[in-house]
Amino acid sequence: MSEHPQPSARAQELVRDAYDIHVHIAPDVMKRRITDLELAEKYEQNGLAGFVLKSHYASTAERAEVVRAV
Protein backbone atom coordinates (compact mmCIF):
# COMPACT_ATOMS: atom_id res chain seq x y z
CA MET A 1 0.00 0.00 0.00
CA SER A 2 1.26 3.47 -0.91
CA GLU A 3 2.30 5.80 1.91
CA HIS A 4 -0.02 8.47 0.46
CA PRO A 5 -2.89 6.76 -1.39
CA GLN A 6 -4.77 8.61 -4.11
CA PRO A 7 -7.99 10.24 -2.79
CA SER A 8 -11.25 8.66 -3.86
CA ALA A 9 -13.30 10.20 -6.66
CA ARG A 10 -15.82 11.38 -4.05
CA ALA A 11 -13.11 13.09 -1.99
CA GLN A 12 -11.77 14.80 -5.12
CA GLU A 13 -15.30 15.95 -5.99
CA LEU A 14 -15.76 17.47 -2.53
CA VAL A 15 -12.57 19.57 -2.71
CA ARG A 16 -12.68 20.51 -6.41
CA ASP A 17 -11.83 24.22 -6.84
CA ALA A 18 -11.31 24.64 -3.08
CA TYR A 19 -8.46 26.50 -1.38
CA ASP A 20 -6.57 25.12 1.61
CA ILE A 21 -6.11 28.23 3.74
CA HIS A 22 -3.62 26.89 6.28
CA VAL A 23 -0.64 24.80 5.13
CA HIS A 24 2.85 24.66 6.65
CA ILE A 25 5.29 23.37 4.04
CA ALA A 26 9.01 22.64 3.66
CA PRO A 27 11.43 24.25 3.80
CA ASP A 28 10.83 25.33 7.38
CA VAL A 29 12.70 25.32 10.67
CA MET A 30 10.69 22.19 11.54
CA LYS A 31 10.63 19.05 9.41
CA ARG A 32 7.72 19.08 6.95
CA ARG A 33 6.50 16.28 4.71
CA ILE A 34 6.25 18.15 1.41
CA THR A 35 7.59 21.22 -0.39
CA ASP A 36 5.66 24.13 -1.89
CA LEU A 37 6.05 22.89 -5.46
CA GLU A 38 5.28 19.25 -4.62
CA LEU A 39 2.08 20.29 -2.86
CA ALA A 40 1.06 22.56 -5.74
CA GLU A 41 1.43 19.62 -8.12
CA LYS A 42 -0.61 17.30 -5.86
CA TYR A 43 -3.34 19.88 -5.41
CA GLU A 44 -3.54 20.50 -9.15
CA GLN A 45 -3.77 16.73 -9.80
CA ASN A 46 -6.65 16.50 -7.31
CA GLY A 47 -8.58 19.52 -8.57
CA LEU A 48 -7.90 22.00 -5.77
CA ALA A 49 -7.63 25.65 -6.77
CA GLY A 50 -4.76 26.59 -4.46
CA PHE A 51 -3.39 27.02 -0.96
CA VAL A 52 -2.06 29.61 1.46
CA LEU A 53 1.54 29.09 2.59
CA LYS A 54 2.08 29.57 6.31
CA SER A 55 5.19 30.01 8.42
CA HIS A 56 5.60 30.92 12.06
CA TYR A 57 9.09 32.30 11.41
CA ALA A 58 9.44 33.90 7.97
CA SER A 59 7.53 35.62 5.21
CA THR A 60 6.11 33.30 2.55
CA ALA A 61 5.40 36.01 -0.04
CA GLU A 62 8.42 35.19 -2.20
CA ARG A 63 7.74 31.47 -2.03
CA ALA A 64 4.12 32.02 -3.01
CA GLU A 65 5.23 34.00 -6.05
CA VAL A 66 7.53 31.16 -7.16
CA VAL A 67 4.67 28.64 -6.84
CA ARG A 68 2.35 30.98 -8.72
CA ALA A 69 4.91 31.40 -11.53
CA VAL A 70 5.41 27.65 -11.94
PDB file of N, CA and C in Angstrom:
ATOM      1  N   MET A   1       0.839  -1.187   0.000  1.00  0.00           N
ATOM      2  CA  MET A   1       0.000   0.000   0.000  1.00  0.00           C
ATOM      3  C   MET A   1       0.881   1.246   0.000  1.00  0.00           C
ATOM      4  N   SER A   2       0.516   2.223  -0.805  1.00  0.00           N
ATOM      5  CA  SER A   2       1.261   3.474  -0.914  1.00  0.00           C
ATOM      6  C   SER A   2       1.188   4.262   0.394  1.00  0.00           C
ATOM      7  N   GLU A   3       2.275   4.979   0.698  1.00  0.00           N
ATOM      8  CA  GLU A   3       2.296   5.800   1.907  1.00  0.00           C
ATOM      9  C   GLU A   3       1.227   6.890   1.852  1.00  0.00           C
ATOM     10  N   HIS A   4       0.988   7.423   0.659  1.00  0.00           N
ATOM     11  CA  HIS A   4      -0.022   8.465   0.462  1.00  0.00           C
ATOM     12  C   HIS A   4      -0.954   8.027  -0.663  1.00  0.00           C
ATOM     13  N   PRO A   5      -1.986   7.260  -0.346  1.00  0.00           N
ATOM     14  CA  PRO A   5      -2.886   6.764  -1.388  1.00  0.00           C
ATOM     15  C   PRO A   5      -3.628   7.899  -2.094  1.00  0.00           C
ATOM     16  N   GLN A   6      -4.014   7.644  -3.319  1.00  0.00           N
ATOM     17  CA  GLN A   6      -4.772   8.607  -4.107  1.00  0.00           C
ATOM     18  C   GLN A   6      -6.164   8.777  -3.486  1.00  0.00           C
ATOM     19  N   PRO A   7      -6.630  10.026  -3.325  1.00  0.00           N
ATOM     20  CA  PRO A   7      -7.986  10.241  -2.785  1.00  0.00           C
ATOM     21  C   PRO A   7      -9.048   9.617  -3.686  1.00  0.00           C
ATOM     22  N   SER A   8     -10.139   9.239  -3.089  1.00  0.00           N
ATOM     23  CA  SER A   8     -11.245   8.664  -3.861  1.00  0.00           C
ATOM     24  C   SER A   8     -11.857   9.726  -4.774  1.00  0.00           C
ATOM     25  N   ALA A   9     -12.615   9.280  -5.755  1.00  0.00           N
ATOM     26  CA  ALA A   9     -13.298  10.203  -6.664  1.00  0.00           C
ATOM     27  C   ALA A   9     -14.242  11.113  -5.882  1.00  0.00           C
ATOM     28  N   ARG A  10     -14.902  10.571  -4.873  1.00  0.00           N
ATOM     29  CA  ARG A  10     -15.825  11.381  -4.054  1.00  0.00           C
ATOM     30  C   ARG A  10     -15.063  12.455  -3.287  1.00  0.00           C
ATOM     31  N   ALA A  11     -13.924  12.101  -2.713  1.00  0.00           N
ATOM     32  CA  ALA A  11     -13.112  13.086  -1.989  1.00  0.00           C
ATOM     33  C   ALA A  11     -12.642  14.185  -2.942  1.00  0.00           C
ATOM     34  N   GLN A  12     -12.207  13.797  -4.129  1.00  0.00           N
ATOM     35  CA  GLN A  12     -11.775  14.795  -5.117  1.00  0.00           C
ATOM     36  C   GLN A  12     -12.933  15.717  -5.511  1.00  0.00           C
ATOM     37  N   GLU A  13     -14.116  15.154  -5.657  1.00  0.00           N
ATOM     38  CA  GLU A  13     -15.300  15.954  -5.992  1.00  0.00           C
ATOM     39  C   GLU A  13     -15.591  16.990  -4.899  1.00  0.00           C
ATOM     40  N   LEU A  14     -15.451  16.581  -3.643  1.00  0.00           N
ATOM     41  CA  LEU A  14     -15.758  17.474  -2.526  1.00  0.00           C
ATOM     42  C   LEU A  14     -14.798  18.656  -2.421  1.00  0.00           C
ATOM     43  N   VAL A  15     -13.557  18.488  -2.842  1.00  0.00           N
ATOM     44  CA  VAL A  15     -12.572  19.570  -2.712  1.00  0.00           C
ATOM     45  C   VAL A  15     -12.279  20.290  -4.025  1.00  0.00           C
ATOM     46  N   ARG A  16     -12.928  19.880  -5.110  1.00  0.00           N
ATOM     47  CA  ARG A  16     -12.680  20.505  -6.412  1.00  0.00           C
ATOM     48  C   ARG A  16     -12.855  22.021  -6.315  1.00  0.00           C
ATOM     49  N   ASP A  17     -11.856  22.745  -6.805  1.00  0.00           N
ATOM     50  CA  ASP A  17     -11.829  24.216  -6.841  1.00  0.00           C
ATOM     51  C   ASP A  17     -11.752  24.864  -5.462  1.00  0.00           C
ATOM     52  N   ALA A  18     -11.443  24.090  -4.430  1.00  0.00           N
ATOM     53  CA  ALA A  18     -11.306  24.635  -3.076  1.00  0.00           C
ATOM     54  C   ALA A  18      -9.896  25.170  -2.848  1.00  0.00           C
ATOM     55  N   TYR A  19      -9.755  25.998  -1.837  1.00  0.00           N
ATOM     56  CA  TYR A  19      -8.457  26.501  -1.383  1.00  0.00           C
ATOM     57  C   TYR A  19      -8.205  25.987   0.018  1.00  0.00           C
ATOM     58  N   ASP A  20      -7.000  25.502   0.261  1.00  0.00           N
ATOM     59  CA  ASP A  20      -6.567  25.118   1.605  1.00  0.00           C
ATOM     60  C   ASP A  20      -5.949  26.380   2.205  1.00  0.00           C
ATOM     61  N   ILE A  21      -6.541  26.922   3.241  1.00  0.00           N
ATOM     62  CA  ILE A  21      -6.109  28.235   3.740  1.00  0.00           C
ATOM     63  C   ILE A  21      -5.120  28.174   4.899  1.00  0.00           C
ATOM     64  N   HIS A  22      -4.598  26.975   5.186  1.00  0.00           N
ATOM     65  CA  HIS A  22      -3.623  26.890   6.276  1.00  0.00           C
ATOM     66  C   HIS A  22      -2.717  25.686   6.084  1.00  0.00           C
ATOM     67  N   VAL A  23      -1.575  25.894   5.396  1.00  0.00           N
ATOM     68  CA  VAL A  23      -0.641  24.805   5.129  1.00  0.00           C
ATOM     69  C   VAL A  23       0.771  25.240   5.509  1.00  0.00           C
ATOM     70  N   HIS A  24       1.440  24.449   6.327  1.00  0.00           N
ATOM     71  CA  HIS A  24       2.854  24.663   6.653  1.00  0.00           C
ATOM     72  C   HIS A  24       3.656  23.664   5.827  1.00  0.00           C
ATOM     73  N   ILE A  25       4.598  24.176   5.021  1.00  0.00           N
ATOM     74  CA  ILE A  25       5.291  23.365   4.037  1.00  0.00           C
ATOM     75  C   ILE A  25       6.795  23.555   4.152  1.00  0.00           C
ATOM     76  N   ALA A  26       7.548  22.546   3.718  1.00  0.00           N
ATOM     77  CA  ALA A  26       9.011  22.638   3.663  1.00  0.00           C
ATOM     78  C   ALA A  26       9.418  23.579   2.529  1.00  0.00           C
ATOM     79  N   PRO A  27      10.507  24.266   2.667  1.00  0.00           N
ATOM     80  CA  PRO A  27      11.428  24.248   3.798  1.00  0.00           C
ATOM     81  C   PRO A  27      10.898  25.082   4.963  1.00  0.00           C
ATOM     82  N   ASP A  28      11.240  24.646   6.157  1.00  0.00           N
ATOM     83  CA  ASP A  28      10.827  25.331   7.380  1.00  0.00           C
ATOM     84  C   ASP A  28      11.850  24.992   8.457  1.00  0.00           C
ATOM     85  N   VAL A  29      11.777  25.648   9.580  1.00  0.00           N
ATOM     86  CA  VAL A  29      12.699  25.321  10.669  1.00  0.00           C
ATOM     87  C   VAL A  29      12.360  23.965  11.279  1.00  0.00           C
ATOM     88  N   MET A  30      11.131  23.518  11.095  1.00  0.00           N
ATOM     89  CA  MET A  30      10.695  22.195  11.540  1.00  0.00           C
ATOM     90  C   MET A  30      10.603  21.291  10.314  1.00  0.00           C
ATOM     91  N   LYS A  31      10.753  19.996  10.516  1.00  0.00           N
ATOM     92  CA  LYS A  31      10.630  19.052   9.414  1.00  0.00           C
ATOM     93  C   LYS A  31       9.185  19.046   8.906  1.00  0.00           C
ATOM     94  N   ARG A  32       9.042  19.153   7.601  1.00  0.00           N
ATOM     95  CA  ARG A  32       7.722  19.085   6.953  1.00  0.00           C
ATOM     96  C   ARG A  32       7.743  17.964   5.931  1.00  0.00           C
ATOM     97  N   ARG A  33       6.578  17.437   5.602  1.00  0.00           N
ATOM     98  CA  ARG A  33       6.496  16.275   4.710  1.00  0.00           C
ATOM     99  C   ARG A  33       6.619  16.603   3.235  1.00  0.00           C
ATOM    100  N   ILE A  34       6.351  17.847   2.832  1.00  0.00           N
ATOM    101  CA  ILE A  34       6.248  18.151   1.412  1.00  0.00           C
ATOM    102  C   ILE A  34       6.676  19.595   1.163  1.00  0.00           C
ATOM    103  N   THR A  35       7.171  19.866  -0.044  1.00  0.00           N
ATOM    104  CA  THR A  35       7.594  21.217  -0.394  1.00  0.00           C
ATOM    105  C   THR A  35       6.449  21.971  -1.071  1.00  0.00           C
ATOM    106  N   ASP A  36       6.648  23.266  -1.231  1.00  0.00           N
ATOM    107  CA  ASP A  36       5.661  24.130  -1.890  1.00  0.00           C
ATOM    108  C   ASP A  36       5.278  23.585  -3.269  1.00  0.00           C
ATOM    109  N   LEU A  37       6.293  23.312  -4.084  1.00  0.00           N
ATOM    110  CA  LEU A  37       6.048  22.887  -5.462  1.00  0.00           C
ATOM    111  C   LEU A  37       5.444  21.487  -5.533  1.00  0.00           C
ATOM    112  N   GLU A  38       5.869  20.594  -4.651  1.00  0.00           N
ATOM    113  CA  GLU A  38       5.278  19.248  -4.619  1.00  0.00           C
ATOM    114  C   GLU A  38       3.797  19.321  -4.243  1.00  0.00           C
ATOM    115  N   LEU A  39       3.473  20.162  -3.272  1.00  0.00           N
ATOM    116  CA  LEU A  39       2.077  20.294  -2.861  1.00  0.00           C
ATOM    117  C   LEU A  39       1.236  20.925  -3.969  1.00  0.00           C
ATOM    118  N   ALA A  40       1.785  21.928  -4.631  1.00  0.00           N
ATOM    119  CA  ALA A  40       1.058  22.563  -5.737  1.00  0.00           C
ATOM    120  C   ALA A  40       0.720  21.529  -6.817  1.00  0.00           C
ATOM    121  N   GLU A  41       1.665  20.663  -7.120  1.00  0.00           N
ATOM    122  CA  GLU A  41       1.428  19.620  -8.123  1.00  0.00           C
ATOM    123  C   GLU A  41       0.338  18.654  -7.658  1.00  0.00           C
ATOM    124  N   LYS A  42       0.409  18.211  -6.394  1.00  0.00           N
ATOM    125  CA  LYS A  42      -0.613  17.299  -5.863  1.00  0.00           C
ATOM    126  C   LYS A  42      -1.999  17.949  -5.856  1.00  0.00           C
ATOM    127  N   TYR A  43      -2.051  19.196  -5.436  1.00  0.00           N
ATOM    128  CA  TYR A  43      -3.344  19.881  -5.407  1.00  0.00           C
ATOM    129  C   TYR A  43      -3.916  20.038  -6.812  1.00  0.00           C
ATOM    130  N   GLU A  44      -3.065  20.368  -7.765  1.00  0.00           N
ATOM    131  CA  GLU A  44      -3.539  20.495  -9.149  1.00  0.00           C
ATOM    132  C   GLU A  44      -4.066  19.152  -9.656  1.00  0.00           C
ATOM    133  N   GLN A  45      -3.350  18.071  -9.379  1.00  0.00           N
ATOM    134  CA  GLN A  45      -3.774  16.731  -9.803  1.00  0.00           C
ATOM    135  C   GLN A  45      -5.121  16.350  -9.200  1.00  0.00           C
ATOM    136  N   ASN A  46      -5.412  16.860  -8.006  1.00  0.00           N
ATOM    137  CA  ASN A  46      -6.646  16.503  -7.309  1.00  0.00           C
ATOM    138  C   ASN A  46      -7.741  17.552  -7.424  1.00  0.00           C
ATOM    139  N   GLY A  47      -7.526  18.566  -8.268  1.00  0.00           N
ATOM    140  CA  GLY A  47      -8.582  19.518  -8.572  1.00  0.00           C
ATOM    141  C   GLY A  47      -8.744  20.678  -7.614  1.00  0.00           C
ATOM    142  N   LEU A  48      -7.814  20.851  -6.665  1.00  0.00           N
ATOM    143  CA  LEU A  48      -7.902  21.997  -5.766  1.00  0.00           C
ATOM    144  C   LEU A  48      -7.433  23.255  -6.490  1.00  0.00           C
ATOM    145  N   ALA A  49      -7.955  24.390  -6.101  1.00  0.00           N
ATOM    146  CA  ALA A  49      -7.629  25.652  -6.765  1.00  0.00           C
ATOM    147  C   ALA A  49      -6.346  26.281  -6.235  1.00  0.00           C
ATOM    148  N   GLY A  50      -5.973  25.997  -4.997  1.00  0.00           N
ATOM    149  CA  GLY A  50      -4.763  26.595  -4.461  1.00  0.00           C
ATOM    150  C   GLY A  50      -4.658  26.440  -2.959  1.00  0.00           C
ATOM    151  N   PHE A  51      -3.630  27.108  -2.397  1.00  0.00           N
ATOM    152  CA  PHE A  51      -3.393  27.024  -0.963  1.00  0.00           C
ATOM    153  C   PHE A  51      -2.674  28.272  -0.486  1.00  0.00           C
ATOM    154  N   VAL A  52      -2.740  28.487   0.814  1.00  0.00           N
ATOM    155  CA  VAL A  52      -2.058  29.614   1.456  1.00  0.00           C
ATOM    156  C   VAL A  52      -0.866  29.054   2.225  1.00  0.00           C
ATOM    157  N   LEU A  53       0.328  29.514   1.880  1.00  0.00           N
ATOM    158  CA  LEU A  53       1.543  29.091   2.590  1.00  0.00           C
ATOM    159  C   LEU A  53       1.594  29.769   3.944  1.00  0.00           C
ATOM    160  N   LYS A  54       1.970  29.012   4.959  1.00  0.00           N
ATOM    161  CA  LYS A  54       2.075  29.568   6.307  1.00  0.00           C
ATOM    162  C   LYS A  54       3.452  29.272   6.883  1.00  0.00           C
ATOM    163  N   SER A  55       3.954  30.202   7.671  1.00  0.00           N
ATOM    164  CA  SER A  55       5.186  30.005   8.419  1.00  0.00           C
ATOM    165  C   SER A  55       5.102  30.805   9.707  1.00  0.00           C
ATOM    166  N   HIS A  56       5.562  30.212  10.790  1.00  0.00           N
ATOM    167  CA  HIS A  56       5.603  30.923  12.061  1.00  0.00           C
ATOM    168  C   HIS A  56       6.816  31.841  12.152  1.00  0.00           C
ATOM    169  N   TYR A  57       7.790  31.656  11.244  1.00  0.00           N
ATOM    170  CA  TYR A  57       9.087  32.297  11.409  1.00  0.00           C
ATOM    171  C   TYR A  57       9.512  33.226  10.286  1.00  0.00           C
ATOM    172  N   ALA A  58       8.963  33.100   9.099  1.00  0.00           N
ATOM    173  CA  ALA A  58       9.440  33.896   7.966  1.00  0.00           C
ATOM    174  C   ALA A  58       8.296  34.222   7.012  1.00  0.00           C
ATOM    175  N   SER A  59       8.503  35.248   6.235  1.00  0.00           N
ATOM    176  CA  SER A  59       7.528  35.619   5.211  1.00  0.00           C
ATOM    177  C   SER A  59       7.455  34.526   4.144  1.00  0.00           C
ATOM    178  N   THR A  60       6.273  34.288   3.621  1.00  0.00           N
ATOM    179  CA  THR A  60       6.110  33.302   2.551  1.00  0.00           C
ATOM    180  C   THR A  60       5.758  33.965   1.220  1.00  0.00           C
ATOM    181  N   ALA A  61       5.799  35.287   1.170  1.00  0.00           N
ATOM    182  CA  ALA A  61       5.395  36.009  -0.043  1.00  0.00           C
ATOM    183  C   ALA A  61       6.241  35.614  -1.259  1.00  0.00           C
ATOM    184  N   GLU A  62       7.555  35.543  -1.078  1.00  0.00           N
ATOM    185  CA  GLU A  62       8.422  35.190  -2.197  1.00  0.00           C
ATOM    186  C   GLU A  62       8.192  33.747  -2.645  1.00  0.00           C
ATOM    187  N   ARG A  63       8.012  32.857  -1.697  1.00  0.00           N
ATOM    188  CA  ARG A  63       7.736  31.466  -2.030  1.00  0.00           C
ATOM    189  C   ARG A  63       6.408  31.327  -2.772  1.00  0.00           C
ATOM    190  N   ALA A  64       5.420  32.065  -2.340  1.00  0.00           N
ATOM    191  CA  ALA A  64       4.123  32.019  -3.009  1.00  0.00           C
ATOM    192  C   ALA A  64       4.243  32.493  -4.445  1.00  0.00           C
ATOM    193  N   GLU A  65       5.051  33.495  -4.686  1.00  0.00           N
ATOM    194  CA  GLU A  65       5.230  34.002  -6.054  1.00  0.00           C
ATOM    195  C   GLU A  65       5.910  32.965  -6.926  1.00  0.00           C
ATOM    196  N   VAL A  66       6.864  32.235  -6.388  1.00  0.00           N
ATOM    197  CA  VAL A  66       7.526  31.162  -7.157  1.00  0.00           C
ATOM    198  C   VAL A  66       6.512  30.085  -7.520  1.00  0.00           C
ATOM    199  N   VAL A  67       5.702  29.650  -6.567  1.00  0.00           N
ATOM    200  CA  VAL A  67       4.675  28.636  -6.840  1.00  0.00           C
ATOM    201  C   VAL A  67       3.707  29.154  -7.896  1.00  0.00           C
ATOM    202  N   ARG A  68       3.278  30.386  -7.762  1.00  0.00           N
ATOM    203  CA  ARG A  68       2.346  30.978  -8.723  1.00  0.00           C
ATOM    204  C   ARG A  68       2.948  30.988 -10.126  1.00  0.00           C
ATOM    205  N   ALA A  69       4.238  31.318 -10.237  1.00  0.00           N
ATOM    206  CA  ALA A  69       4.907  31.403 -11.533  1.00  0.00           C
ATOM    207  C   ALA A  69       5.029  30.027 -12.203  1.00  0.00           C
ATOM    208  N   VAL A  70       5.251  29.013 -11.387  1.00  0.00           N
ATOM    209  CA  VAL A  70       5.407  27.655 -11.938  1.00  0.00           C
ATOM    210  C   VAL A  70       4.045  27.129 -12.359  1.00  0.00           C
TER     211      VAL A  70
END
